[in-house]
Amino acid sequence: MVHKSFHRLNKHLTNEQVRLIEGYANDLPVLLKKLDKVLVINNVTFWEQPVGTLEKIRIQMKAGGKIALTIRPHEKGATDDTIDLIGGQLSPLLANAGFTDVEFFIKPTNPCNIVCALGTK
């Protein structure tokens, strides 16, 4: 995934607009520059301590920075009801980690919808 992203984002990587870090979210290294945007795709459900991990990420973000937790379930039997349930769980994770202006959006797609919860530091 990181390799593919490097190829797609090459021009942004060379002028330091984007930084890709491979590893576990709860082991995020101390960064020299604060983050202004964080995108988490299809993995927050695997985190052992999601609120604690989100708190660690928030600490390394700029004031006013944005985070997006996005999930498109791929498991067999996932439906749009699954997305509604997930969306209802993602928003409190962000709020409990100290993010404000938390909201979530659902994008209709096939075979089932995508949910994205947004928060601001």
C-alpha atoms as a PDB file:
ATOM      1  CA  MET A   1       0.000   0.000   0.000  1.00  0.00           C
ATOM      2  CA  VAL A   2       2.796   2.425   0.874  1.00  0.00           C
ATOM      3  CA  HIS A   3       4.688   1.549  -2.335  1.00  0.00           C
ATOM      4  CA  LYS A   4       1.581   2.175  -4.455  1.00  0.00           C
ATOM      5  CA  SER A   5       0.951   5.471  -2.664  1.00  0.00           C
ATOM      6  CA  PHE A   6       4.531   6.617  -3.285  1.00  0.00           C
ATOM      7  CA  HIS A   7       4.023   6.199  -7.024  1.00  0.00           C
ATOM      8  CA  ARG A   8       0.674   8.003  -7.060  1.00  0.00           C
ATOM      9  CA  LEU A   9       1.815  10.867  -4.833  1.00  0.00           C
ATOM     10  CA  ASN A  10       5.393  11.251  -6.053  1.00  0.00           C
ATOM     11  CA  LYS A  11       5.186  14.955  -6.955  1.00  0.00           C
ATOM     12  CA  HIS A  12       3.643  15.784  -3.566  1.00  0.00           C
ATOM     13  CA  LEU A  13       6.244  13.751  -1.680  1.00  0.00           C
ATOM     14  CA  THR A  14       9.180  15.602  -3.201  1.00  0.00           C
ATOM     15  CA  ASN A  15       7.935  19.004  -2.049  1.00  0.00           C
ATOM     16  CA  GLU A  16       6.981  17.655   1.410  1.00  0.00           C
ATOM     17  CA  GLN A  17       3.227  18.181   1.013  1.00  0.00           C
ATOM     18  CA  VAL A  18       2.562  14.551   1.951  1.00  0.00           C
ATOM     19  CA  ARG A  19       4.358  12.245   4.345  1.00  0.00           C
ATOM     20  CA  LEU A  20       3.655   8.518   4.368  1.00  0.00           C
ATOM     21  CA  ILE A  21       4.493   6.513   7.458  1.00  0.00           C
ATOM     22  CA  GLU A  22       4.283   2.734   7.471  1.00  0.00           C
ATOM     23  CA  GLY A  23       3.622   1.088  10.805  1.00  0.00           C
ATOM     24  CA  TYR A  24       1.103   0.720  13.585  1.00  0.00           C
ATOM     25  CA  ALA A  25      -0.979   3.794  14.401  1.00  0.00           C
ATOM     26  CA  ASN A  26      -0.360   3.419  18.148  1.00  0.00           C
ATOM     27  CA  ASP A  27       3.414   3.492  17.482  1.00  0.00           C
ATOM     28  CA  LEU A  28       3.392   6.794  15.596  1.00  0.00           C
ATOM     29  CA  PRO A  29       6.855   8.322  16.005  1.00  0.00           C
ATOM     30  CA  VAL A  30       7.295  11.847  17.343  1.00  0.00           C
ATOM     31  CA  LEU A  31       7.129  14.049  14.274  1.00  0.00           C
ATOM     32  CA  LEU A  32       9.199  17.167  13.631  1.00  0.00           C
ATOM     33  CA  LYS A  33       6.248  18.910  11.961  1.00  0.00           C
ATOM     34  CA  LYS A  34       2.657  18.882  13.194  1.00  0.00           C
ATOM     35  CA  LEU A  35       0.082  17.195  10.971  1.00  0.00           C
ATOM     36  CA  ASP A  36      -2.691  19.218   9.383  1.00  0.00           C
ATOM     37  CA  LYS A  37      -4.617  16.275   7.898  1.00  0.00           C
ATOM     38  CA  VAL A  38      -4.853  12.601   8.824  1.00  0.00           C
ATOM     39  CA  LEU A  39      -6.645   9.947   6.772  1.00  0.00           C
ATOM     40  CA  VAL A  40      -7.382   6.537   8.272  1.00  0.00           C
ATOM     41  CA  ILE A  41      -8.837   3.991   5.842  1.00  0.00           C
ATOM     42  CA  ASN A  42     -10.298   0.591   6.766  1.00  0.00           C
ATOM     43  CA  ASN A  43      -8.150  -0.062   9.826  1.00  0.00           C
ATOM     44  CA  VAL A  44      -9.402   1.751  12.946  1.00  0.00           C
ATOM     45  CA  THR A  45     -11.539  -1.309  13.752  1.00  0.00           C
ATOM     46  CA  PHE A  46      -8.331  -3.323  14.238  1.00  0.00           C
ATOM     47  CA  TRP A  47      -6.753  -0.932  16.765  1.00  0.00           C
ATOM     48  CA  GLU A  48      -6.491  -2.344  20.293  1.00  0.00           C
ATOM     49  CA  GLN A  49      -6.951   1.072  21.949  1.00  0.00           C
ATOM     50  CA  PRO A  50      -8.669   3.296  19.371  1.00  0.00           C
ATOM     51  CA  VAL A  51      -9.364   6.253  21.689  1.00  0.00           C
ATOM     52  CA  GLY A  52      -5.819   6.227  23.083  1.00  0.00           C
ATOM     53  CA  THR A  53      -4.347   5.953  19.602  1.00  0.00           C
ATOM     54  CA  LEU A  54      -6.510   8.819  18.349  1.00  0.00           C
ATOM     55  CA  GLU A  55      -5.377  10.905  21.332  1.00  0.00           C
ATOM     56  CA  LYS A  56      -1.733  10.267  20.380  1.00  0.00           C
ATOM     57  CA  ILE A  57      -2.478  11.307  16.810  1.00  0.00           C
ATOM     58  CA  ARG A  58      -4.357  14.437  17.970  1.00  0.00           C
ATOM     59  CA  ILE A  59      -1.358  15.554  20.035  1.00  0.00           C
ATOM     60  CA  GLN A  60       0.757  15.574  16.872  1.00  0.00           C
ATOM     61  CA  MET A  61      -1.755  17.608  14.879  1.00  0.00           C
ATOM     62  CA  LYS A  62      -1.887  21.354  14.293  1.00  0.00           C
ATOM     63  CA  ALA A  63      -4.711  23.332  15.882  1.00  0.00           C
ATOM     64  CA  GLY A  64      -7.588  23.201  13.430  1.00  0.00           C
ATOM     65  CA  GLY A  65      -6.196  20.029  11.829  1.00  0.00           C
ATOM     66  CA  LYS A  66      -8.676  17.525  10.384  1.00  0.00           C
ATOM     67  CA  ILE A  67      -8.904  13.764  10.734  1.00  0.00           C
ATOM     68  CA  ALA A  68     -11.049  11.403   8.646  1.00  0.00           C
ATOM     69  CA  LEU A  69     -11.846   7.836   9.689  1.00  0.00           C
ATOM     70  CA  THR A  70     -13.182   6.016   6.641  1.00  0.00           C
ATOM     71  CA  ILE A  71     -14.531   2.486   6.401  1.00  0.00           C
ATOM     72  CA  ARG A  72     -15.974   0.447   3.581  1.00  0.00           C
ATOM     73  CA  PRO A  73     -16.754  -2.988   4.952  1.00  0.00           C
ATOM     74  CA  HIS A  74     -15.532  -5.841   2.810  1.00  0.00           C
ATOM     75  CA  GLU A  75     -16.656  -8.729   4.977  1.00  0.00           C
ATOM     76  CA  LYS A  76     -19.257 -11.139   3.667  1.00  0.00           C
ATOM     77  CA  GLY A  77     -22.758 -10.122   4.651  1.00  0.00           C
ATOM     78  CA  ALA A  78     -21.967  -6.416   5.160  1.00  0.00           C
ATOM     79  CA  THR A  79     -24.933  -4.196   4.337  1.00  0.00           C
ATOM     80  CA  ASP A  80     -25.850  -0.543   4.506  1.00  0.00           C
ATOM     81  CA  ASP A  81     -27.137  -1.253   8.037  1.00  0.00           C
ATOM     82  CA  THR A  82     -23.553  -2.275   8.902  1.00  0.00           C
ATOM     83  CA  ILE A  83     -22.396   1.164   7.749  1.00  0.00           C
ATOM     84  CA  ASP A  84     -24.986   2.940   9.902  1.00  0.00           C
ATOM     85  CA  LEU A  85     -23.756   0.977  12.915  1.00  0.00           C
ATOM     86  CA  ILE A  86     -20.093   1.719  12.149  1.00  0.00           C
ATOM     87  CA  GLY A  87     -20.798   5.421  11.628  1.00  0.00           C
ATOM     88  CA  GLY A  88     -22.480   5.528  15.015  1.00  0.00           C
ATOM     89  CA  GLN A  89     -19.342   4.021  16.579  1.00  0.00           C
ATOM     90  CA  LEU A  90     -16.706   6.143  14.818  1.00  0.00           C
ATOM     91  CA  SER A  91     -18.087   9.511  15.902  1.00  0.00           C
ATOM     92  CA  PRO A  92     -17.824   8.787  19.666  1.00  0.00           C
ATOM     93  CA  LEU A  93     -14.255   7.513  19.187  1.00  0.00           C
ATOM     94  CA  LEU A  94     -13.245  10.898  17.804  1.00  0.00           C
ATOM     95  CA  ALA A  95     -15.173  12.830  20.451  1.00  0.00           C
ATOM     96  CA  ASN A  96     -13.721  10.738  23.294  1.00  0.00           C
ATOM     97  CA  ALA A  97     -10.222  11.360  21.918  1.00  0.00           C
ATOM     98  CA  GLY A  98     -10.752  15.127  22.165  1.00  0.00           C
ATOM     99  CA  PHE A  99     -11.719  15.991  18.600  1.00  0.00           C
ATOM    100  CA  THR A 100     -14.449  18.586  18.052  1.00  0.00           C
ATOM    101  CA  ASP A 101     -16.965  19.338  15.301  1.00  0.00           C
ATOM    102  CA  VAL A 102     -17.387  15.572  14.885  1.00  0.00           C
ATOM    103  CA  GLU A 103     -19.750  14.450  12.152  1.00  0.00           C
ATOM    104  CA  PHE A 104     -20.112  11.519   9.818  1.00  0.00           C
ATOM    105  CA  PHE A 105     -21.123  11.121   6.220  1.00  0.00           C
ATOM    106  CA  ILE A 106     -22.300   8.162   4.203  1.00  0.00           C
ATOM    107  CA  LYS A 107     -21.447   7.811   0.523  1.00  0.00           C
ATOM    108  CA  PRO A 108     -23.712   5.470  -1.440  1.00  0.00           C
ATOM    109  CA  THR A 109     -21.687   2.836  -3.311  1.00  0.00           C
ATOM    110  CA  ASN A 110     -22.032  -0.800  -4.317  1.00  0.00           C
ATOM    111  CA  PRO A 111     -22.080  -3.401  -2.885  1.00  0.00           C
ATOM    112  CA  CYS A 112     -22.519  -1.307   0.282  1.00  0.00           C
ATOM    113  CA  ASN A 113     -22.011   2.273   1.362  1.00  0.00           C
ATOM    114  CA  ILE A 114     -18.865   3.965   2.717  1.00  0.00           C
ATOM    115  CA  VAL A 115     -18.824   5.867   6.009  1.00  0.00           C
ATOM    116  CA  CYS A 116     -16.455   8.694   6.911  1.00  0.00           C
ATOM    117  CA  ALA A 117     -16.301  10.311  10.366  1.00  0.00           C
ATOM    118  CA  LEU A 118     -14.585  13.706  10.522  1.00  0.00           C
ATOM    119  CA  GLY A 119     -13.138  15.565  13.472  1.00  0.00           C
ATOM    120  CA  THR A 120     -11.148  18.725  14.145  1.00  0.00           C
ATOM    121  CA  LYS A 121      -8.353  19.303  16.651  1.00  0.00           C
END
